[in-house]
């Protein structure tokens, strides 16, 4: 793993984490709503749940979990071998936390119920706080990466102009 592959690995992590979270978190529809749905009552949804069938959903979920584990392993290996900066772990941690929060939010939005879904309202109220706090390690890591990049450019420029 080199310096250039860390952004790509983090991008894959950002794409796979919400999908893995949706697969790992079970359906949030409560038991009473399930019983009513079995009796023929139509449930209310914030967003209609999407399913490709049980087998395809399992394949997609396992694949997303494998991508998340592989990306984290690559970033940890690159950091341990000092091929990439440790700041990438902060960025990856933020991506992981925000992706998990998005997957959890999706599960709440797609929960069936009768009437209002209070969980969705709480998620909407807490989203700025959760995403803001989750992004702090990534912002700090990005600042460290930017400083290191400027330092490298400055040292190359000074070496090129030295007499």
Foldseek 3Di string as FASTA:
>chain_A
DAAVCLVVLLVLLLVLQLLLLLLVDDQPADPVQVVVVVVPDDWDFLDADDDPDDVVSVVSNVVSVVSNVVSVVVVVVCVVVVRYPPLSVLLSQLSNQVSNLNNVLVSQRNHTHHDDRVVNVVCVVCVVVSNVVSCVSSVVSVVVVVVVVVVVVVVVVVVVPPD
